[in-house]
Amino acid sequence: MISAYVLGKVEAGTEREVLNSLKSVKEMKKASLTYGIYDLCIEAQFKNMEELDNFVINVLRKINGIKETVTLITSRTVFSQTGEAIAFG
């Protein structure tokens, strides 16, 4: 299983539309609008690299309003006893 965070830059004024369009994407676990350099942070899981490639190239980048993406593939995640992530890496 491959876990990844995909950061996105979105055209101004399309943020909510882009976020709503992600609701039906099965690989997505969570999507959040963010402030700063990137407007969007998507947490997703994939069976293999081909699924990740397909998600970024054929799903995410084809959504109207997405200008740019950066993909961060996780190597290890640690959770607290409450189930909240406390450290990554």
PDB file of N, CA and C in Angstrom:
ATOM      1  N   MET A   1       0.854  -1.178   0.000  1.00  0.00           N
ATOM      2  CA  MET A   1       0.000   0.000   0.000  1.00  0.00           C
ATOM      3  C   MET A   1       0.894   1.234   0.000  1.00  0.00           C
ATOM      4  N   ILE A   2       0.573   2.193  -0.842  1.00  0.00           N
ATOM      5  CA  ILE A   2       1.319   3.440  -0.942  1.00  0.00           C
ATOM      6  C   ILE A   2       0.447   4.561  -0.403  1.00  0.00           C
ATOM      7  N   SER A   3       0.975   5.287   0.571  1.00  0.00           N
ATOM      8  CA  SER A   3       0.285   6.463   1.105  1.00  0.00           C
ATOM      9  C   SER A   3       1.002   7.698   0.602  1.00  0.00           C
ATOM     10  N   ALA A   4       0.212   8.711   0.288  1.00  0.00           N
ATOM     11  CA  ALA A   4       0.808   9.936  -0.250  1.00  0.00           C
ATOM     12  C   ALA A   4      -0.015  11.143   0.153  1.00  0.00           C
ATOM     13  N   TYR A   5       0.667  12.274   0.203  1.00  0.00           N
ATOM     14  CA  TYR A   5       0.023  13.576   0.343  1.00  0.00           C
ATOM     15  C   TYR A   5       0.253  14.299  -0.966  1.00  0.00           C
ATOM     16  N   VAL A   6      -0.808  14.822  -1.536  1.00  0.00           N
ATOM     17  CA  VAL A   6      -0.673  15.578  -2.772  1.00  0.00           C
ATOM     18  C   VAL A   6      -1.081  17.018  -2.462  1.00  0.00           C
ATOM     19  N   LEU A   7      -0.150  17.926  -2.684  1.00  0.00           N
ATOM     20  CA  LEU A   7      -0.399  19.344  -2.464  1.00  0.00           C
ATOM     21  C   LEU A   7      -0.769  19.973  -3.799  1.00  0.00           C
ATOM     22  N   GLY A   8      -1.675  20.928  -3.757  1.00  0.00           N
ATOM     23  CA  GLY A   8      -2.097  21.532  -5.003  1.00  0.00           C
ATOM     24  C   GLY A   8      -2.238  23.031  -4.920  1.00  0.00           C
ATOM     25  N   LYS A   9      -1.932  23.683  -6.035  1.00  0.00           N
ATOM     26  CA  LYS A   9      -2.223  25.106  -6.195  1.00  0.00           C
ATOM     27  C   LYS A   9      -3.486  25.187  -7.046  1.00  0.00           C
ATOM     28  N   VAL A  10      -4.417  26.032  -6.594  1.00  0.00           N
ATOM     29  CA  VAL A  10      -5.739  26.105  -7.206  1.00  0.00           C
ATOM     30  C   VAL A  10      -6.002  27.535  -7.671  1.00  0.00           C
ATOM     31  N   GLU A  11      -6.690  27.671  -8.781  1.00  0.00           N
ATOM     32  CA  GLU A  11      -7.063  29.000  -9.275  1.00  0.00           C
ATOM     33  C   GLU A  11      -7.951  29.690  -8.251  1.00  0.00           C
ATOM     34  N   ALA A  12      -7.678  30.961  -7.993  1.00  0.00           N
ATOM     35  CA  ALA A  12      -8.454  31.736  -7.028  1.00  0.00           C
ATOM     36  C   ALA A  12      -9.940  31.693  -7.379  1.00  0.00           C
ATOM     37  N   GLY A  13     -10.748  31.449  -6.366  1.00  0.00           N
ATOM     38  CA  GLY A  13     -12.189  31.410  -6.550  1.00  0.00           C
ATOM     39  C   GLY A  13     -12.750  30.042  -6.870  1.00  0.00           C
ATOM     40  N   THR A  14     -11.868  29.053  -7.130  1.00  0.00           N
ATOM     41  CA  THR A  14     -12.343  27.706  -7.455  1.00  0.00           C
ATOM     42  C   THR A  14     -12.089  26.707  -6.330  1.00  0.00           C
ATOM     43  N   GLU A  15     -11.605  27.180  -5.189  1.00  0.00           N
ATOM     44  CA  GLU A  15     -11.184  26.284  -4.109  1.00  0.00           C
ATOM     45  C   GLU A  15     -12.299  25.326  -3.662  1.00  0.00           C
ATOM     46  N   ARG A  16     -13.464  25.852  -3.369  1.00  0.00           N
ATOM     47  CA  ARG A  16     -14.558  24.994  -2.876  1.00  0.00           C
ATOM     48  C   ARG A  16     -15.055  24.045  -3.960  1.00  0.00           C
ATOM     49  N   GLU A  17     -15.094  24.517  -5.180  1.00  0.00           N
ATOM     50  CA  GLU A  17     -15.503  23.666  -6.304  1.00  0.00           C
ATOM     51  C   GLU A  17     -14.532  22.489  -6.460  1.00  0.00           C
ATOM     52  N   VAL A  18     -13.241  22.777  -6.386  1.00  0.00           N
ATOM     53  CA  VAL A  18     -12.225  21.730  -6.485  1.00  0.00           C
ATOM     54  C   VAL A  18     -12.380  20.746  -5.327  1.00  0.00           C
ATOM     55  N   LEU A  19     -12.528  21.249  -4.116  1.00  0.00           N
ATOM     56  CA  LEU A  19     -12.682  20.389  -2.944  1.00  0.00           C
ATOM     57  C   LEU A  19     -13.907  19.486  -3.086  1.00  0.00           C
ATOM     58  N   ASN A  20     -15.028  20.036  -3.511  1.00  0.00           N
ATOM     59  CA  ASN A  20     -16.245  19.245  -3.685  1.00  0.00           C
ATOM     60  C   ASN A  20     -16.099  18.180  -4.758  1.00  0.00           C
ATOM     61  N   SER A  21     -15.321  18.461  -5.795  1.00  0.00           N
ATOM     62  CA  SER A  21     -15.141  17.486  -6.868  1.00  0.00           C
ATOM     63  C   SER A  21     -14.323  16.277  -6.418  1.00  0.00           C
ATOM     64  N   LEU A  22     -13.608  16.400  -5.312  1.00  0.00           N
ATOM     65  CA  LEU A  22     -12.788  15.293  -4.811  1.00  0.00           C
ATOM     66  C   LEU A  22     -13.582  14.305  -3.956  1.00  0.00           C
ATOM     67  N   LYS A  23     -14.794  14.655  -3.556  1.00  0.00           N
ATOM     68  CA  LYS A  23     -15.583  13.801  -2.667  1.00  0.00           C
ATOM     69  C   LYS A  23     -15.805  12.399  -3.223  1.00  0.00           C
ATOM     70  N   SER A  24     -15.912  12.263  -4.515  1.00  0.00           N
ATOM     71  CA  SER A  24     -16.219  10.967  -5.127  1.00  0.00           C
ATOM     72  C   SER A  24     -14.981  10.159  -5.514  1.00  0.00           C
ATOM     73  N   VAL A  25     -13.802  10.661  -5.219  1.00  0.00           N
ATOM     74  CA  VAL A  25     -12.561   9.957  -5.585  1.00  0.00           C
ATOM     75  C   VAL A  25     -12.256   8.901  -4.530  1.00  0.00           C
ATOM     76  N   LYS A  26     -12.289   7.632  -4.933  1.00  0.00           N
ATOM     77  CA  LYS A  26     -12.190   6.529  -3.965  1.00  0.00           C
ATOM     78  C   LYS A  26     -10.840   6.449  -3.246  1.00  0.00           C
ATOM     79  N   GLU A  27      -9.756   6.829  -3.897  1.00  0.00           N
ATOM     80  CA  GLU A  27      -8.428   6.727  -3.270  1.00  0.00           C
ATOM     81  C   GLU A  27      -8.199   7.784  -2.200  1.00  0.00           C
ATOM     82  N   MET A  28      -8.970   8.868  -2.253  1.00  0.00           N
ATOM     83  CA  MET A  28      -8.773   9.970  -1.324  1.00  0.00           C
ATOM     84  C   MET A  28      -9.304   9.615   0.053  1.00  0.00           C
ATOM     85  N   LYS A  29      -8.455   9.777   1.072  1.00  0.00           N
ATOM     86  CA  LYS A  29      -8.892   9.588   2.452  1.00  0.00           C
ATOM     87  C   LYS A  29      -9.389  10.895   3.045  1.00  0.00           C
ATOM     88  N   LYS A  30      -8.694  11.982   2.702  1.00  0.00           N
ATOM     89  CA  LYS A  30      -9.030  13.294   3.267  1.00  0.00           C
ATOM     90  C   LYS A  30      -8.486  14.375   2.346  1.00  0.00           C
ATOM     91  N   ALA A  31      -9.258  15.455   2.201  1.00  0.00           N
ATOM     92  CA  ALA A  31      -8.794  16.618   1.435  1.00  0.00           C
ATOM     93  C   ALA A  31      -9.112  17.859   2.247  1.00  0.00           C
ATOM     94  N   SER A  32      -8.156  18.776   2.308  1.00  0.00           N
ATOM     95  CA  SER A  32      -8.316  19.997   3.097  1.00  0.00           C
ATOM     96  C   SER A  32      -7.862  21.204   2.290  1.00  0.00           C
ATOM     97  N   LEU A  33      -8.619  22.297   2.401  1.00  0.00           N
ATOM     98  CA  LEU A  33      -8.144  23.567   1.877  1.00  0.00           C
ATOM     99  C   LEU A  33      -7.151  24.124   2.885  1.00  0.00           C
ATOM    100  N   THR A  34      -6.064  24.713   2.394  1.00  0.00           N
ATOM    101  CA  THR A  34      -5.009  25.195   3.269  1.00  0.00           C
ATOM    102  C   THR A  34      -4.619  26.624   2.897  1.00  0.00           C
ATOM    103  N   TYR A  35      -3.955  27.288   3.822  1.00  0.00           N
ATOM    104  CA  TYR A  35      -3.406  28.618   3.583  1.00  0.00           C
ATOM    105  C   TYR A  35      -1.910  28.479   3.382  1.00  0.00           C
ATOM    106  N   GLY A  36      -1.346  29.331   2.577  1.00  0.00           N
ATOM    107  CA  GLY A  36       0.094  29.297   2.361  1.00  0.00           C
ATOM    108  C   GLY A  36       0.413  29.093   0.898  1.00  0.00           C
ATOM    109  N   ILE A  37       1.553  28.479   0.643  1.00  0.00           N
ATOM    110  CA  ILE A  37       2.017  28.270  -0.724  1.00  0.00           C
ATOM    111  C   ILE A  37       1.061  27.375  -1.502  1.00  0.00           C
ATOM    112  N   TYR A  38       0.524  26.352  -0.830  1.00  0.00           N
ATOM    113  CA  TYR A  38      -0.415  25.431  -1.468  1.00  0.00           C
ATOM    114  C   TYR A  38      -1.813  25.666  -0.921  1.00  0.00           C
ATOM    115  N   ASP A  39      -2.793  25.484  -1.781  1.00  0.00           N
ATOM    116  CA  ASP A  39      -4.183  25.734  -1.438  1.00  0.00           C
ATOM    117  C   ASP A  39      -4.924  24.474  -1.021  1.00  0.00           C
ATOM    118  N   LEU A  40      -4.342  23.316  -1.308  1.00  0.00           N
ATOM    119  CA  LEU A  40      -5.033  22.052  -1.141  1.00  0.00           C
ATOM    120  C   LEU A  40      -4.057  20.990  -0.659  1.00  0.00           C
ATOM    121  N   CYS A  41      -4.496  20.158   0.291  1.00  0.00           N
ATOM    122  CA  CYS A  41      -3.700  19.017   0.750  1.00  0.00           C
ATOM    123  C   CYS A  41      -4.600  17.789   0.722  1.00  0.00           C
ATOM    124  N   ILE A  42      -4.206  16.793  -0.045  1.00  0.00           N
ATOM    125  CA  ILE A  42      -4.980  15.563  -0.191  1.00  0.00           C
ATOM    126  C   ILE A  42      -4.180  14.414   0.398  1.00  0.00           C
ATOM    127  N   GLU A  43      -4.805  13.654   1.283  1.00  0.00           N
ATOM    128  CA  GLU A  43      -4.216  12.424   1.808  1.00  0.00           C
ATOM    129  C   GLU A  43      -4.876  11.271   1.073  1.00  0.00           C
ATOM    130  N   ALA A  44      -4.074  10.385   0.489  1.00  0.00           N
ATOM    131  CA  ALA A  44      -4.641   9.306  -0.318  1.00  0.00           C
ATOM    132  C   ALA A  44      -3.832   8.029  -0.169  1.00  0.00           C
ATOM    133  N   GLN A  45      -4.468   6.892  -0.520  1.00  0.00           N
ATOM    134  CA  GLN A  45      -3.793   5.590  -0.494  1.00  0.00           C
ATOM    135  C   GLN A  45      -4.016   4.888  -1.824  1.00  0.00           C
ATOM    136  N   PHE A  46      -2.986   4.162  -2.228  1.00  0.00           N
ATOM    137  CA  PHE A  46      -3.006   3.483  -3.516  1.00  0.00           C
ATOM    138  C   PHE A  46      -2.438   2.081  -3.371  1.00  0.00           C
ATOM    139  N   LYS A  47      -2.904   1.168  -4.211  1.00  0.00           N
ATOM    140  CA  LYS A  47      -2.401  -0.206  -4.193  1.00  0.00           C
ATOM    141  C   LYS A  47      -0.981  -0.283  -4.742  1.00  0.00           C
ATOM    142  N   ASN A  48      -0.681   0.592  -5.709  1.00  0.00           N
ATOM    143  CA  ASN A  48       0.631   0.550  -6.355  1.00  0.00           C
ATOM    144  C   ASN A  48       0.919   1.905  -7.008  1.00  0.00           C
ATOM    145  N   MET A  49       2.096   2.027  -7.588  1.00  0.00           N
ATOM    146  CA  MET A  49       2.506   3.286  -8.217  1.00  0.00           C
ATOM    147  C   MET A  49       1.658   3.626  -9.435  1.00  0.00           C
ATOM    148  N   GLU A  50       1.185   2.608 -10.141  1.00  0.00           N
ATOM    149  CA  GLU A  50       0.339   2.871 -11.304  1.00  0.00           C
ATOM    150  C   GLU A  50      -0.945   3.586 -10.892  1.00  0.00           C
ATOM    151  N   GLU A  51      -1.535   3.180  -9.750  1.00  0.00           N
ATOM    152  CA  GLU A  51      -2.728   3.857  -9.252  1.00  0.00           C
ATOM    153  C   GLU A  51      -2.423   5.300  -8.857  1.00  0.00           C
ATOM    154  N   LEU A  52      -1.278   5.514  -8.225  1.00  0.00           N
ATOM    155  CA  LEU A  52      -0.870   6.873  -7.864  1.00  0.00           C
ATOM    156  C   LEU A  52      -0.687   7.720  -9.120  1.00  0.00           C
ATOM    157  N   ASP A  53       0.015   7.184 -10.111  1.00  0.00           N
ATOM    158  CA  ASP A  53       0.208   7.895 -11.384  1.00  0.00           C
ATOM    159  C   ASP A  53      -1.138   8.268 -12.000  1.00  0.00           C
ATOM    160  N   ASN A  54      -2.049   7.306 -12.043  1.00  0.00           N
ATOM    161  CA  ASN A  54      -3.364   7.546 -12.631  1.00  0.00           C
ATOM    162  C   ASN A  54      -4.116   8.641 -11.878  1.00  0.00           C
ATOM    163  N   PHE A  55      -4.062   8.601 -10.554  1.00  0.00           N
ATOM    164  CA  PHE A  55      -4.746   9.606  -9.742  1.00  0.00           C
ATOM    165  C   PHE A  55      -4.229  11.007 -10.045  1.00  0.00           C
ATOM    166  N   VAL A  56      -2.920  11.169 -10.041  1.00  0.00           N
ATOM    167  CA  VAL A  56      -2.339  12.497 -10.247  1.00  0.00           C
ATOM    168  C   VAL A  56      -2.540  12.971 -11.686  1.00  0.00           C
ATOM    169  N   ILE A  57      -2.227  12.114 -12.644  1.00  0.00           N
ATOM    170  CA  ILE A  57      -2.235  12.531 -14.047  1.00  0.00           C
ATOM    171  C   ILE A  57      -3.639  12.564 -14.648  1.00  0.00           C
ATOM    172  N   ASN A  58      -4.428  11.532 -14.401  1.00  0.00           N
ATOM    173  CA  ASN A  58      -5.712  11.402 -15.089  1.00  0.00           C
ATOM    174  C   ASN A  58      -6.929  11.840 -14.283  1.00  0.00           C
ATOM    175  N   VAL A  59      -6.763  12.018 -12.978  1.00  0.00           N
ATOM    176  CA  VAL A  59      -7.891  12.460 -12.159  1.00  0.00           C
ATOM    177  C   VAL A  59      -7.639  13.882 -11.653  1.00  0.00           C
ATOM    178  N   LEU A  60      -6.643  14.040 -10.808  1.00  0.00           N
ATOM    179  CA  LEU A  60      -6.428  15.319 -10.137  1.00  0.00           C
ATOM    180  C   LEU A  60      -6.098  16.456 -11.101  1.00  0.00           C
ATOM    181  N   ARG A  61      -5.145  16.242 -11.972  1.00  0.00           N
ATOM    182  CA  ARG A  61      -4.718  17.323 -12.874  1.00  0.00           C
ATOM    183  C   ARG A  61      -5.757  17.684 -13.933  1.00  0.00           C
ATOM    184  N   LYS A  62      -6.779  16.858 -14.072  1.00  0.00           N
ATOM    185  CA  LYS A  62      -7.853  17.157 -15.030  1.00  0.00           C
ATOM    186  C   LYS A  62      -9.019  17.891 -14.381  1.00  0.00           C
ATOM    187  N   ILE A  63      -8.964  18.098 -13.073  1.00  0.00           N
ATOM    188  CA  ILE A  63     -10.019  18.845 -12.388  1.00  0.00           C
ATOM    189  C   ILE A  63      -9.858  20.322 -12.724  1.00  0.00           C
ATOM    190  N   ASN A  64     -10.935  20.923 -13.168  1.00  0.00           N
ATOM    191  CA  ASN A  64     -10.925  22.333 -13.510  1.00  0.00           C
ATOM    192  C   ASN A  64     -10.552  23.165 -12.278  1.00  0.00           C
ATOM    193  N   GLY A  65      -9.519  23.969 -12.393  1.00  0.00           N
ATOM    194  CA  GLY A  65      -9.079  24.818 -11.290  1.00  0.00           C
ATOM    195  C   GLY A  65      -7.754  24.404 -10.693  1.00  0.00           C
ATOM    196  N   ILE A  66      -7.329  23.157 -10.901  1.00  0.00           N
ATOM    197  CA  ILE A  66      -6.023  22.705 -10.408  1.00  0.00           C
ATOM    198  C   ILE A  66      -4.948  23.249 -11.327  1.00  0.00           C
ATOM    199  N   LYS A  67      -3.993  24.014 -10.772  1.00  0.00           N
ATOM    200  CA  LYS A  67      -2.927  24.609 -11.576  1.00  0.00           C
ATOM    201  C   LYS A  67      -1.619  23.826 -11.481  1.00  0.00           C
ATOM    202  N   GLU A  68      -1.359  23.245 -10.313  1.00  0.00           N
ATOM    203  CA  GLU A  68      -0.050  22.617 -10.073  1.00  0.00           C
ATOM    204  C   GLU A  68      -0.204  21.616  -8.943  1.00  0.00           C
ATOM    205  N   THR A  69       0.567  20.523  -8.991  1.00  0.00           N
ATOM    206  CA  THR A  69       0.564  19.555  -7.899  1.00  0.00           C
ATOM    207  C   THR A  69       1.983  19.172  -7.508  1.00  0.00           C
ATOM    208  N   VAL A  70       2.134  18.784  -6.251  1.00  0.00           N
ATOM    209  CA  VAL A  70       3.378  18.225  -5.724  1.00  0.00           C
ATOM    210  C   VAL A  70       2.972  16.995  -4.920  1.00  0.00           C
ATOM    211  N   THR A  71       3.612  15.859  -5.186  1.00  0.00           N
ATOM    212  CA  THR A  71       3.257  14.614  -4.518  1.00  0.00           C
ATOM    213  C   THR A  71       4.348  14.210  -3.539  1.00  0.00           C
ATOM    214  N   LEU A  72       3.937  13.939  -2.304  1.00  0.00           N
ATOM    215  CA  LEU A  72       4.842  13.484  -1.252  1.00  0.00           C
ATOM    216  C   LEU A  72       4.457  12.056  -0.884  1.00  0.00           C
ATOM    217  N   ILE A  73       5.323  11.097  -1.172  1.00  0.00           N
ATOM    218  CA  ILE A  73       5.056   9.699  -0.848  1.00  0.00           C
ATOM    219  C   ILE A  73       5.625   9.429   0.533  1.00  0.00           C
ATOM    220  N   THR A  74       4.804   8.863   1.421  1.00  0.00           N
ATOM    221  CA  THR A  74       5.253   8.633   2.792  1.00  0.00           C
ATOM    222  C   THR A  74       6.141   7.394   2.868  1.00  0.00           C
ATOM    223  N   SER A  75       7.069   7.436   3.814  1.00  0.00           N
ATOM    224  CA  SER A  75       7.922   6.267   4.044  1.00  0.00           C
ATOM    225  C   SER A  75       7.543   5.567   5.345  1.00  0.00           C
ATOM    226  N   ARG A  76       7.072   6.345   6.324  1.00  0.00           N
ATOM    227  CA  ARG A  76       6.708   5.771   7.622  1.00  0.00           C
ATOM    228  C   ARG A  76       5.821   6.769   8.356  1.00  0.00           C
ATOM    229  N   THR A  77       4.835   6.267   9.098  1.00  0.00           N
ATOM    230  CA  THR A  77       3.951   7.117   9.884  1.00  0.00           C
ATOM    231  C   THR A  77       3.809   6.520  11.275  1.00  0.00           C
ATOM    232  N   VAL A  78       3.849   7.363  12.291  1.00  0.00           N
ATOM    233  CA  VAL A  78       3.678   6.928  13.677  1.00  0.00           C
ATOM    234  C   VAL A  78       2.415   7.577  14.220  1.00  0.00           C
ATOM    235  N   PHE A  79       1.601   6.805  14.950  1.00  0.00           N
ATOM    236  CA  PHE A  79       0.360   7.306  15.521  1.00  0.00           C
ATOM    237  C   PHE A  79       0.421   7.267  17.037  1.00  0.00           C
ATOM    238  N   SER A  80      -0.272   8.211  17.673  1.00  0.00           N
ATOM    239  CA  SER A  80      -0.395   8.180  19.127  1.00  0.00           C
ATOM    240  C   SER A  80      -1.439   7.129  19.493  1.00  0.00           C
ATOM    241  N   GLN A  81      -1.624   6.855  20.771  1.00  0.00           N
ATOM    242  CA  GLN A  81      -2.597   5.860  21.197  1.00  0.00           C
ATOM    243  C   GLN A  81      -4.022   6.297  20.908  1.00  0.00           C
ATOM    244  N   THR A  82      -4.246   7.594  20.701  1.00  0.00           N
ATOM    245  CA  THR A  82      -5.583   8.073  20.367  1.00  0.00           C
ATOM    246  C   THR A  82      -5.869   7.946  18.885  1.00  0.00           C
ATOM    247  N   GLY A  83      -4.867   7.500  18.130  1.00  0.00           N
ATOM    248  CA  GLY A  83      -5.035   7.336  16.687  1.00  0.00           C
ATOM    249  C   GLY A  83      -4.648   8.547  15.883  1.00  0.00           C
ATOM    250  N   GLU A  84      -4.180   9.601  16.544  1.00  0.00           N
ATOM    251  CA  GLU A  84      -3.760  10.794  15.825  1.00  0.00           C
ATOM    252  C   GLU A  84      -2.277  10.687  15.485  1.00  0.00           C
ATOM    253  N   ALA A  85      -1.944  11.104  14.284  1.00  0.00           N
ATOM    254  CA  ALA A  85      -0.544  11.074  13.873  1.00  0.00           C
ATOM    255  C   ALA A  85       0.269  12.040  14.723  1.00  0.00           C
ATOM    256  N   ILE A  86       1.404  11.568  15.250  1.00  0.00           N
ATOM    257  CA  ILE A  86       2.240  12.438  16.066  1.00  0.00           C
ATOM    258  C   ILE A  86       3.610  12.674  15.444  1.00  0.00           C
ATOM    259  N   ALA A  87       3.990  11.822  14.506  1.00  0.00           N
ATOM    260  CA  ALA A  87       5.300  12.000  13.864  1.00  0.00           C
ATOM    261  C   ALA A  87       5.260  11.318  12.512  1.00  0.00           C
ATOM    262  N   PHE A  88       5.992  11.850  11.579  1.00  0.00           N
ATOM    263  CA  PHE A  88       6.077  11.267  10.252  1.00  0.00           C
ATOM    264  C   PHE A  88       7.529  11.009   9.926  1.00  0.00           C
ATOM    265  N   GLY A  89       7.778  10.039   9.122  1.00  0.00           N
ATOM    266  CA  GLY A  89       9.126   9.833   8.667  1.00  0.00           C
ATOM    267  C   GLY A  89       9.530   8.460   8.801  1.00  0.00           C
TER     268      GLY A  89
END
